Structure formats: C-alpha cells, structure tokens
N, C-alpha and C. Protein backbone atom coordinates (compact mmCIF):
# COMPACT_ATOMS: atom_id res chain seq x y z
N MET A 1 53.08 115.45 11.84
CA MET A 1 53.43 115.60 10.55
C MET A 1 53.70 116.39 10.05
N ALA A 2 55.09 116.82 9.01
CA ALA A 2 55.81 118.15 8.62
C ALA A 2 55.10 118.43 7.59
N THR A 3 55.21 119.43 7.67
CA THR A 3 54.42 120.63 6.59
C THR A 3 55.44 120.34 5.29
N ILE A 4 54.30 120.12 3.99
CA ILE A 4 55.43 119.98 2.63
C ILE A 4 54.58 121.80 1.84
N PRO A 5 56.13 122.26 1.86
CA PRO A 5 56.02 123.94 0.81
C PRO A 5 55.47 123.13 -0.76
N LEU A 6 54.51 123.84 -0.99
CA LEU A 6 53.84 124.03 -2.36
C LEU A 6 53.91 125.55 -2.99
N THR A 7 53.74 125.60 -3.66
CA THR A 7 53.24 127.16 -4.62
C THR A 7 52.29 126.44 -4.83
N ARG A 8 50.76 127.76 -4.77
CA ARG A 8 49.56 127.15 -5.43
C ARG A 8 49.75 126.54 -6.87
N ARG A 9 50.24 126.72 -7.80
CA ARG A 9 50.77 125.95 -8.97
C ARG A 9 50.87 124.71 -9.12
N GLY A 10 52.04 124.27 -8.05
CA GLY A 10 52.51 122.92 -7.22
C GLY A 10 50.93 121.98 -6.87
N ALA A 11 50.21 122.68 -6.11
CA ALA A 11 48.74 121.95 -5.30
C ALA A 11 47.78 121.86 -6.59
N GLU A 12 48.09 122.71 -7.26
CA GLU A 12 47.14 122.82 -8.34
C GLU A 12 47.12 121.64 -9.51
N LEU A 13 48.74 121.40 -9.74
CA LEU A 13 49.36 119.93 -10.62
C LEU A 13 49.14 118.78 -9.82
N LEU A 14 49.26 119.01 -8.53
CA LEU A 14 48.89 117.41 -7.73
C LEU A 14 47.71 117.01 -7.87
N ARG A 15 46.78 118.11 -7.53
CA ARG A 15 45.07 117.72 -7.31
C ARG A 15 44.99 117.34 -8.72
N SER A 16 45.32 118.19 -9.79
CA SER A 16 44.80 117.42 -11.20
C SER A 16 45.24 116.24 -11.43
N GLU A 17 46.42 115.43 -10.69
CA GLU A 17 46.86 114.10 -11.40
C GLU A 17 46.14 113.14 -10.32
N LEU A 18 45.42 113.83 -9.10
CA LEU A 18 45.14 113.39 -8.30
C LEU A 18 43.68 112.60 -9.36
N GLN A 19 43.03 113.69 -9.59
CA GLN A 19 41.89 113.52 -10.13
C GLN A 19 41.89 112.74 -11.35
N ARG A 20 42.98 112.79 -12.18
CA ARG A 20 43.19 111.84 -13.32
C ARG A 20 43.43 110.70 -12.82
N LEU A 21 44.21 110.08 -11.88
CA LEU A 21 44.44 108.84 -11.53
C LEU A 21 43.06 108.59 -10.77
N LYS A 22 42.24 108.73 -10.29
CA LYS A 22 40.67 108.80 -9.48
C LYS A 22 39.86 108.43 -10.81
N THR A 23 39.50 109.28 -11.99
CA THR A 23 38.88 109.08 -12.77
C THR A 23 38.86 108.33 -13.85
N VAL A 24 40.26 108.48 -14.11
CA VAL A 24 40.17 108.16 -15.60
C VAL A 24 41.23 106.73 -15.25
N ASP A 25 42.67 107.03 -15.32
CA ASP A 25 43.53 105.71 -14.98
C ASP A 25 43.27 104.29 -13.92
N ARG A 26 42.14 104.71 -13.18
CA ARG A 26 41.76 103.49 -12.05
C ARG A 26 40.64 103.01 -12.33
N HIS A 27 40.02 103.42 -13.14
CA HIS A 27 38.89 102.71 -13.85
C HIS A 27 39.53 101.95 -15.64
N ALA A 28 40.62 102.66 -15.94
CA ALA A 28 41.21 101.80 -16.99
C ALA A 28 41.72 100.61 -16.83
N VAL A 29 42.48 100.52 -15.38
CA VAL A 29 43.23 99.45 -15.11
C VAL A 29 42.39 98.18 -14.13
N ILE A 30 40.65 98.82 -14.15
CA ILE A 30 39.77 97.58 -13.91
C ILE A 30 39.51 96.92 -14.95
N GLN A 31 39.22 97.59 -16.01
CA GLN A 31 38.75 97.32 -17.30
C GLN A 31 40.38 96.17 -17.22
N ALA A 32 41.44 96.74 -17.58
CA ALA A 32 41.99 95.36 -17.72
C ALA A 32 42.38 94.60 -17.13
N ILE A 33 41.74 94.61 -15.90
CA ILE A 33 41.94 93.33 -14.67
C ILE A 33 41.21 92.47 -15.05
N SER A 34 39.91 93.33 -15.28
CA SER A 34 38.70 92.15 -16.03
C SER A 34 38.78 91.68 -17.00
N GLU A 35 39.79 92.54 -18.46
CA GLU A 35 40.04 91.77 -19.62
C GLU A 35 40.86 90.53 -19.18
N ALA A 36 41.65 90.59 -18.35
CA ALA A 36 42.87 89.50 -18.55
C ALA A 36 42.43 88.34 -17.56
N ARG A 37 41.39 88.96 -16.84
CA ARG A 37 40.92 87.78 -16.12
C ARG A 37 39.59 87.02 -17.36
N GLY A 38 39.09 87.23 -18.05
CA GLY A 38 38.64 86.48 -18.82
C GLY A 38 39.25 85.91 -19.79
N GLN A 39 40.34 85.62 -19.74
CA GLN A 39 41.83 84.84 -20.66
C GLN A 39 41.81 83.50 -20.00
N GLY A 40 41.49 83.36 -18.72
CA GLY A 40 41.60 82.09 -17.99
C GLY A 40 42.56 81.82 -17.22
N ASP A 41 43.41 81.36 -17.15
CA ASP A 41 44.43 80.80 -15.45
C ASP A 41 45.51 81.82 -15.93
N LEU A 42 44.68 82.25 -14.10
CA LEU A 42 45.42 83.70 -13.82
C LEU A 42 47.25 83.27 -13.51
N SER A 43 47.36 82.08 -13.35
CA SER A 43 49.04 81.44 -12.91
C SER A 43 49.56 82.10 -13.99
N GLU A 44 49.20 82.08 -15.42
CA GLU A 44 50.43 82.31 -16.26
C GLU A 44 50.10 83.32 -17.22
N ASN A 45 49.18 84.18 -16.48
CA ASN A 45 48.84 85.28 -17.28
C ASN A 45 49.74 86.81 -17.24
N ALA A 46 50.27 87.21 -17.88
CA ALA A 46 51.08 88.10 -18.32
C ALA A 46 50.46 89.33 -17.77
N GLU A 47 49.20 89.56 -18.31
CA GLU A 47 48.50 90.43 -19.10
C GLU A 47 47.63 90.86 -17.36
N TYR A 48 47.74 89.97 -16.92
CA TYR A 48 46.27 90.23 -15.37
C TYR A 48 47.75 90.68 -14.50
N GLU A 49 49.14 89.96 -14.43
CA GLU A 49 49.83 90.23 -13.53
C GLU A 49 50.21 91.98 -14.08
N ALA A 50 50.75 92.22 -14.86
CA ALA A 50 51.07 93.65 -15.43
C ALA A 50 50.07 94.63 -14.96
N ALA A 51 48.84 94.28 -14.95
CA ALA A 51 47.39 95.20 -14.84
C ALA A 51 47.49 95.34 -13.44
N LYS A 52 47.73 94.21 -12.54
CA LYS A 52 48.08 94.09 -11.06
C LYS A 52 48.91 95.00 -10.56
N ASP A 53 49.79 95.14 -11.20
CA ASP A 53 51.19 96.12 -10.87
C ASP A 53 50.58 97.49 -11.49
N LYS A 54 49.97 97.60 -11.93
CA LYS A 54 50.03 98.50 -12.46
C LYS A 54 48.99 99.47 -11.71
N GLN A 55 47.70 98.59 -11.28
CA GLN A 55 46.88 99.18 -10.30
C GLN A 55 47.58 99.75 -8.71
N ALA A 56 48.44 98.54 -8.22
CA ALA A 56 48.95 98.90 -7.27
C ALA A 56 49.96 100.06 -7.25
N PHE A 57 50.51 100.40 -8.41
CA PHE A 57 51.28 101.74 -8.42
C PHE A 57 50.02 103.00 -8.41
N ILE A 58 48.87 102.71 -9.12
CA ILE A 58 48.24 103.84 -8.91
C ILE A 58 47.79 103.93 -7.76
N GLU A 59 47.29 103.12 -7.21
CA GLU A 59 46.86 103.10 -5.74
C GLU A 59 47.89 103.20 -4.48
N GLY A 60 48.91 103.45 -5.06
CA GLY A 60 50.41 104.07 -3.95
C GLY A 60 50.33 105.34 -4.47
N ARG A 61 50.31 105.54 -5.66
CA ARG A 61 50.49 107.21 -6.03
C ARG A 61 49.25 108.02 -5.39
N ILE A 62 48.07 107.33 -5.37
CA ILE A 62 46.96 108.21 -5.33
C ILE A 62 47.07 108.60 -3.50
N ALA A 63 47.37 107.25 -2.91
CA ALA A 63 47.88 107.80 -1.23
C ALA A 63 48.88 108.75 -0.79
N GLU A 64 49.91 109.02 -1.98
CA GLU A 64 51.18 109.69 -1.40
C GLU A 64 50.68 111.08 -1.64
N ILE A 65 50.04 111.37 -2.46
CA ILE A 65 49.40 112.50 -3.30
C ILE A 65 48.60 113.34 -2.12
N GLU A 66 47.66 112.18 -1.83
CA GLU A 66 46.51 113.01 -0.64
C GLU A 66 47.20 113.07 0.52
N SER A 67 48.43 112.47 0.83
CA SER A 67 49.08 112.86 2.33
C SER A 67 50.15 114.02 1.92
N LYS A 68 50.32 114.28 0.82
CA LYS A 68 51.28 115.78 0.29
C LYS A 68 50.30 116.55 0.39
N LEU A 69 49.03 116.35 0.12
CA LEU A 69 47.95 117.25 -0.11
C LEU A 69 47.26 117.64 1.20
N ALA A 70 47.48 116.93 2.11
CA ALA A 70 47.21 116.93 3.60
C ALA A 70 47.71 117.38 4.60
N ALA A 71 49.09 117.63 4.13
CA ALA A 71 50.35 118.19 5.11
C ALA A 71 50.61 119.36 4.39
N ALA A 72 50.62 119.59 3.27
CA ALA A 72 51.05 120.93 2.25
C ALA A 72 50.46 122.49 2.75
N LEU A 73 51.31 122.96 2.71
CA LEU A 73 51.51 124.52 3.00
C LEU A 73 51.58 125.35 1.72
N VAL A 74 50.79 125.75 1.67
CA VAL A 74 50.07 126.26 0.19
C VAL A 74 50.72 127.92 0.35
N ILE A 75 51.77 128.05 -0.85
CA ILE A 75 52.43 129.54 -0.66
C ILE A 75 51.89 129.95 -2.28
N ASP A 76 51.46 131.52 -2.10
CA ASP A 76 50.91 132.09 -3.46
C ASP A 76 52.28 132.97 -3.29
N PRO A 77 53.24 132.98 -4.33
CA PRO A 77 54.47 134.10 -4.37
C PRO A 77 53.66 135.17 -4.58
N SER A 78 52.98 135.28 -5.02
CA SER A 78 52.39 137.13 -5.69
C SER A 78 52.29 137.58 -4.13
N ARG A 79 51.86 136.84 -2.95
CA ARG A 79 51.37 137.60 -2.10
C ARG A 79 52.57 137.74 -1.06
N LEU A 80 53.91 137.24 -1.43
CA LEU A 80 54.75 137.44 -0.54
C LEU A 80 55.52 139.20 -0.66
N ASP A 81 55.91 139.22 0.63
CA ASP A 81 56.64 140.32 1.09
C ASP A 81 57.59 140.00 2.06
N ALA A 82 58.96 139.47 1.38
CA ALA A 82 59.97 139.04 2.26
C ALA A 82 61.44 140.13 2.05
N GLY A 83 60.60 141.21 1.97
CA GLY A 83 61.70 142.48 1.48
C GLY A 83 62.94 142.67 0.71
N GLY A 84 62.77 141.74 -0.25
CA GLY A 84 63.44 141.64 -0.97
C GLY A 84 65.00 140.40 -1.06
N ARG A 85 64.34 139.50 0.12
CA ARG A 85 65.04 138.38 0.49
C ARG A 85 64.87 137.08 -0.11
N VAL A 86 65.50 136.44 -0.72
CA VAL A 86 64.98 135.07 -1.18
C VAL A 86 64.53 133.83 -0.33
N VAL A 87 63.30 133.72 -0.33
CA VAL A 87 62.14 132.71 0.13
C VAL A 87 61.72 131.55 -0.56
N PHE A 88 61.07 130.77 -0.28
CA PHE A 88 60.66 129.91 -0.94
C PHE A 88 59.30 130.69 -1.84
N GLY A 89 59.39 130.33 -2.95
CA GLY A 89 58.53 130.40 -4.02
C GLY A 89 59.07 132.03 -4.46
N ALA A 90 59.96 132.41 -4.42
CA ALA A 90 60.75 133.60 -5.07
C ALA A 90 61.47 133.36 -5.95
N THR A 91 60.96 134.38 -7.39
CA THR A 91 61.88 134.19 -8.74
C THR A 91 63.58 134.75 -8.67
N VAL A 92 64.82 133.92 -8.35
CA VAL A 92 65.48 134.84 -8.06
C VAL A 92 66.54 134.53 -9.93
N GLU A 93 67.19 136.01 -10.14
CA GLU A 93 68.01 136.04 -10.95
C GLU A 93 69.42 136.36 -10.54
N LEU A 94 70.15 135.08 -11.42
CA LEU A 94 71.62 135.23 -10.80
C LEU A 94 72.61 135.28 -12.21
N GLU A 95 74.06 135.54 -11.87
CA GLU A 95 74.79 136.22 -12.14
C GLU A 95 75.85 134.71 -12.10
N GLU A 96 76.38 134.02 -13.19
CA GLU A 96 77.64 133.33 -12.66
C GLU A 96 78.72 134.04 -12.80
N ALA A 97 79.55 133.39 -12.48
CA ALA A 97 80.84 134.04 -12.39
C ALA A 97 81.32 134.29 -14.31
N GLY A 98 80.88 133.32 -15.13
CA GLY A 98 81.35 134.07 -16.34
C GLY A 98 80.49 134.82 -17.10
N GLY A 99 79.75 135.22 -16.21
CA GLY A 99 78.92 137.00 -17.01
C GLY A 99 77.54 136.11 -17.14
N GLN A 100 77.22 134.82 -17.12
CA GLN A 100 75.84 134.02 -18.00
C GLN A 100 75.25 134.23 -16.53
N ARG A 101 73.41 134.74 -16.88
CA ARG A 101 72.46 135.11 -16.18
C ARG A 101 71.37 134.00 -16.19
N VAL A 102 70.80 133.50 -15.33
CA VAL A 102 69.80 132.46 -15.55
C VAL A 102 68.71 132.63 -14.05
N THR A 103 67.99 132.50 -14.73
CA THR A 103 66.63 132.73 -13.52
C THR A 103 65.80 131.85 -13.02
N TYR A 104 65.87 131.50 -11.51
CA TYR A 104 65.37 129.84 -10.95
C TYR A 104 64.04 130.48 -9.96
N GLN A 105 62.93 129.79 -10.44
CA GLN A 105 62.38 129.77 -9.14
C GLN A 105 61.89 128.88 -8.30
N ILE A 106 62.28 129.06 -6.69
CA ILE A 106 62.18 128.09 -6.09
C ILE A 106 60.90 127.70 -5.49
N VAL A 107 60.88 126.16 -5.32
CA VAL A 107 59.54 125.79 -5.58
C VAL A 107 59.81 124.28 -4.57
N GLY A 108 58.24 123.59 -4.39
CA GLY A 108 58.47 122.52 -3.84
C GLY A 108 59.17 121.65 -4.49
N ASP A 109 59.77 120.27 -3.80
CA ASP A 109 60.29 119.38 -4.33
C ASP A 109 59.47 118.38 -5.56
N ASP A 110 58.34 118.35 -5.36
CA ASP A 110 57.42 117.83 -6.55
C ASP A 110 57.13 118.76 -7.32
N GLU A 111 57.56 120.05 -7.49
CA GLU A 111 57.15 120.70 -8.54
C GLU A 111 58.40 120.95 -9.52
N ALA A 112 59.66 121.04 -9.01
CA ALA A 112 61.24 120.85 -9.73
C ALA A 112 60.94 120.81 -11.02
N ASP A 113 61.33 121.29 -11.79
CA ASP A 113 61.73 121.43 -13.18
C ASP A 113 62.75 121.78 -13.57
N LEU A 114 64.28 121.54 -13.50
CA LEU A 114 64.89 122.34 -14.10
C LEU A 114 65.14 122.94 -15.24
N LYS A 115 64.58 122.12 -16.31
CA LYS A 115 64.13 122.55 -17.62
C LYS A 115 63.46 124.09 -17.89
N HIS A 116 62.58 124.34 -16.70
CA HIS A 116 61.52 125.53 -16.68
C HIS A 116 61.89 126.61 -16.20
N GLY A 117 63.31 126.17 -15.30
CA GLY A 117 64.05 127.34 -14.30
C GLY A 117 62.96 126.89 -12.99
N LEU A 118 62.62 125.49 -12.45
CA LEU A 118 62.21 125.42 -11.56
C LEU A 118 63.10 124.64 -10.25
N ILE A 119 63.71 124.98 -9.42
CA ILE A 119 64.26 124.39 -8.47
C ILE A 119 63.72 123.94 -7.13
N SER A 120 64.53 123.02 -7.07
CA SER A 120 63.77 122.55 -5.17
C SER A 120 64.02 123.23 -4.06
N ILE A 121 63.29 123.20 -3.24
CA ILE A 121 63.68 124.34 -2.01
C ILE A 121 64.85 123.14 -1.40
N SER A 122 64.63 121.76 -1.38
CA SER A 122 65.86 121.41 -0.83
C SER A 122 67.31 120.81 -1.76
N SER A 123 67.56 121.55 -2.59
CA SER A 123 68.23 121.55 -3.67
C SER A 123 69.53 122.49 -2.93
N PRO A 124 71.10 121.85 -3.40
CA PRO A 124 71.91 122.84 -2.99
C PRO A 124 71.86 124.32 -3.32
N ILE A 125 71.32 124.48 -4.43
CA ILE A 125 71.56 125.95 -4.66
C ILE A 125 70.18 126.52 -4.40
N ALA A 126 69.26 126.34 -3.93
CA ALA A 126 67.96 126.87 -3.27
C ALA A 126 68.83 127.20 -1.50
N ARG A 127 68.82 126.20 -1.36
CA ARG A 127 69.46 126.52 -0.08
C ARG A 127 70.51 127.54 0.70
N ALA A 128 71.93 127.62 -0.52
CA ALA A 128 72.54 128.94 -0.55
C ALA A 128 71.69 129.90 -0.59
N LEU A 129 70.70 129.97 -1.48
CA LEU A 129 70.19 131.20 -1.56
C LEU A 129 69.58 131.96 -0.76
N ILE A 130 68.76 130.71 0.37
CA ILE A 130 67.61 131.20 1.16
C ILE A 130 68.35 131.92 1.83
N GLY A 131 67.69 133.36 2.36
CA GLY A 131 67.89 134.49 3.15
C GLY A 131 68.87 135.53 2.21
N LYS A 132 69.17 135.64 1.49
CA LYS A 132 70.36 136.53 0.85
C LYS A 132 69.16 137.40 0.27
N GLU A 133 69.91 138.83 -0.24
CA GLU A 133 68.94 139.45 -1.06
C GLU A 133 69.71 139.87 -2.21
N SER A 134 69.30 140.56 -3.14
CA SER A 134 70.23 141.34 -4.47
C SER A 134 71.32 142.05 -3.59
N GLY A 135 72.72 141.41 -4.86
CA GLY A 135 74.24 141.75 -4.34
C GLY A 135 74.68 141.38 -3.61
N ASP A 136 73.88 139.83 -3.26
CA ASP A 136 74.69 139.39 -2.35
C ASP A 136 75.27 138.07 -3.37
N VAL A 137 76.45 137.33 -2.62
CA VAL A 137 76.45 136.54 -3.45
C VAL A 137 76.76 135.03 -2.75
N ALA A 138 76.08 133.82 -3.35
CA ALA A 138 75.80 132.59 -2.65
C ALA A 138 76.87 131.93 -3.13
N GLU A 139 77.98 130.76 -2.70
CA GLU A 139 78.69 129.79 -2.70
C GLU A 139 77.94 128.67 -3.19
N VAL A 140 77.77 127.91 -3.98
CA VAL A 140 77.38 126.62 -3.94
C VAL A 140 78.23 125.48 -4.10
N GLN A 141 78.00 124.07 -3.45
CA GLN A 141 78.78 123.32 -3.48
C GLN A 141 79.08 122.49 -4.50
N ALA A 142 79.17 122.52 -5.56
CA ALA A 142 78.47 121.67 -6.76
C ALA A 142 79.94 120.77 -6.93
N PRO A 143 79.21 119.31 -7.49
CA PRO A 143 80.51 118.08 -7.93
C PRO A 143 81.75 118.73 -8.54
N GLY A 144 81.78 119.55 -9.56
CA GLY A 144 82.99 120.11 -10.00
C GLY A 144 83.64 121.26 -9.25
N GLY A 145 83.13 121.45 -7.98
CA GLY A 145 83.65 122.75 -7.17
C GLY A 145 82.84 123.47 -6.79
N VAL A 146 83.39 124.80 -6.00
CA VAL A 146 82.39 125.66 -5.58
C VAL A 146 82.25 126.74 -6.63
N LYS A 147 80.82 127.20 -6.98
CA LYS A 147 80.32 127.83 -7.84
C LYS A 147 79.52 129.37 -6.82
N SER A 148 79.78 130.17 -7.75
CA SER A 148 79.46 131.29 -6.81
C SER A 148 78.60 131.97 -8.03
N TYR A 149 77.46 132.56 -7.32
CA TYR A 149 76.65 133.54 -8.16
C TYR A 149 75.96 134.56 -7.34
N GLU A 150 75.87 135.79 -8.39
CA GLU A 150 75.42 137.00 -7.64
C GLU A 150 74.15 137.32 -7.63
N ILE A 151 73.15 137.33 -6.90
CA ILE A 151 71.94 137.61 -6.38
C ILE A 151 71.70 138.77 -7.52
N VAL A 152 70.89 139.33 -8.73
CA VAL A 152 70.94 140.06 -9.41
C VAL A 152 69.66 140.80 -9.27
N ASP A 153 68.44 139.65 -9.06
CA ASP A 153 67.01 140.39 -8.71
C ASP A 153 66.50 139.51 -7.71
N VAL A 154 65.32 139.63 -7.02
CA VAL A 154 64.61 139.10 -6.30
C VAL A 154 62.88 139.34 -6.76
N ARG A 155 62.52 138.46 -7.36
CA ARG A 155 60.80 138.59 -8.02
C ARG A 155 60.00 137.73 -6.92
N TYR A 156 58.88 138.30 -6.49
CA TYR A 156 57.86 137.57 -6.09
C TYR A 156 56.36 137.28 -6.81
N GLN A 157 56.09 136.58 -7.72
CA GLN A 157 55.48 136.63 -8.86
C GLN A 157 54.81 135.62 -8.67
C-alpha cells in the first residue's frame, strides 16, 4: 500500500471527522432507521431508504478515513529543513507575471482548500513548484495557457 502524505493538521482533521462519524453520525442514522422501521411497510418507506443510504455513506467514509490514516505519512512542516527548496508541507510565496503575490501551502489531497491557500500536492502548480527554491521561476500549464510564477519565499511552518 502506498503512503499518503498528510500534514499534522490534516491528520488531526481526519481523526476528528472519524471520531464524529463513529460517535455522532453513526448513532443518529441508527436511530433514524429504527424510527423509520416503526412506520410499517418498508417497501414503500422513503425515510427508511434514505436512512439506509446515509448509513452506507457513513460506513464507507469511515472505512475510507481509516484506510487513509493507516497509510498516512504525517509530516510536520515546522520540523522540515529542505535547504530552502519547495517540498510537501512548505508554504510558498509566489509572484505572478502581473506582480500579484499569492501564498500557498502544499498539502495532501484531502486537505486542499484553495480559499485558505492550501493546494494539493498532486495539483499542477504544486508539481511545478516541488524542488525549486527562492528566485526560481515555475511554469504551470493552465487551461488558459502557461502561467509563470516566481518563487519569492519558501517557509516551513
């Protein structure tokens, strides 16, 4: 089984979701199934079918998270020393061709949230940045054409 890179924060978020699914959501759906059964004929009971579907989703998500955590390689960005190079977990300040600056942290697929500056390690921009250092230029193939980013700063926080 291949390892799945996660930041410490990302692993904590997955553990928190797993805990919620097991202790809150699972019990709530069991209660909903029980109540729906009490309504009689299950063959035409929409509430029962919806609750069973939700139960299947919850159990699938629990299995998925447990599998990811078992295969996780948890990386603490504050403990990295990559000699100024962009690596998983690094926070990178970039300057676009027009002078606009953006800051991204390279994280695992499950942690990615562009609104909060978290980009997936498997995204085109992250793949273009990996291994580069301050002063380097990364070119990214985007739907609108090639975009160039100059790496202004690399931090491990």
